[in-house]
């Protein structure tokens, strides 16, 4: 019973990071814009308990990350792919004995469920890779917004060198986050196939799943 609680807590933390960290970047961007436009007085939060501010930041970060989830999918489609990787074919090439196995072409979500039923501790590694990849992908749009703000600062602000440097770093970070997110997603699929290779009777179970 204690093991199940530990596993559930660990997965919950990864899920929280998937939304809260990108949401905190959105929150930082909006805070920067509000500050630069002087839309909120400097003493607006004076007198607010520190613990309440922390709670508000955490809750707002999570909600923003959750609501802006589709923006990560859009960013992933915008950035061109240098190459299209076929995880099933790559796995067959690396493991010739997997040729003809039914599980290789099975839906990845179904395979992950099979791993969880077989060993929840082992499934954590796959979920960690997926959650980290989603965190990076969903963190890319706030960097794009930051790039736009830096370009505006470049023309409207006073410190042109700093604005130009920030624009370059933010644009580079946007592309790098998407590329690394795709790499982690691919690793998660490969890890899923590698683990399923060792599950007894996995092919028989896959044959029992109705074809769509």
Foldseek 3Di string as FASTA:
>chain_A
DVVVVVLVVLLVVLVLLLQLVLLLLVVVLVVVVCVVVVVDDPCNCPPPDPVVVVVVSRVRSNVSSVVLLVVLVVLLVVQDDPDDDDLLVVLCVVPVVCVPFQVSPDDLVVLLVVVCVVPSVLSSVLSNLLSQLSSLSSNLVSLVSLLVVLVVCCPPNDPNVVSVVSNVVSVVSSNVSSVVSVVSNSVSSNSSVVSCVPDPCSRVVSVPDDDD
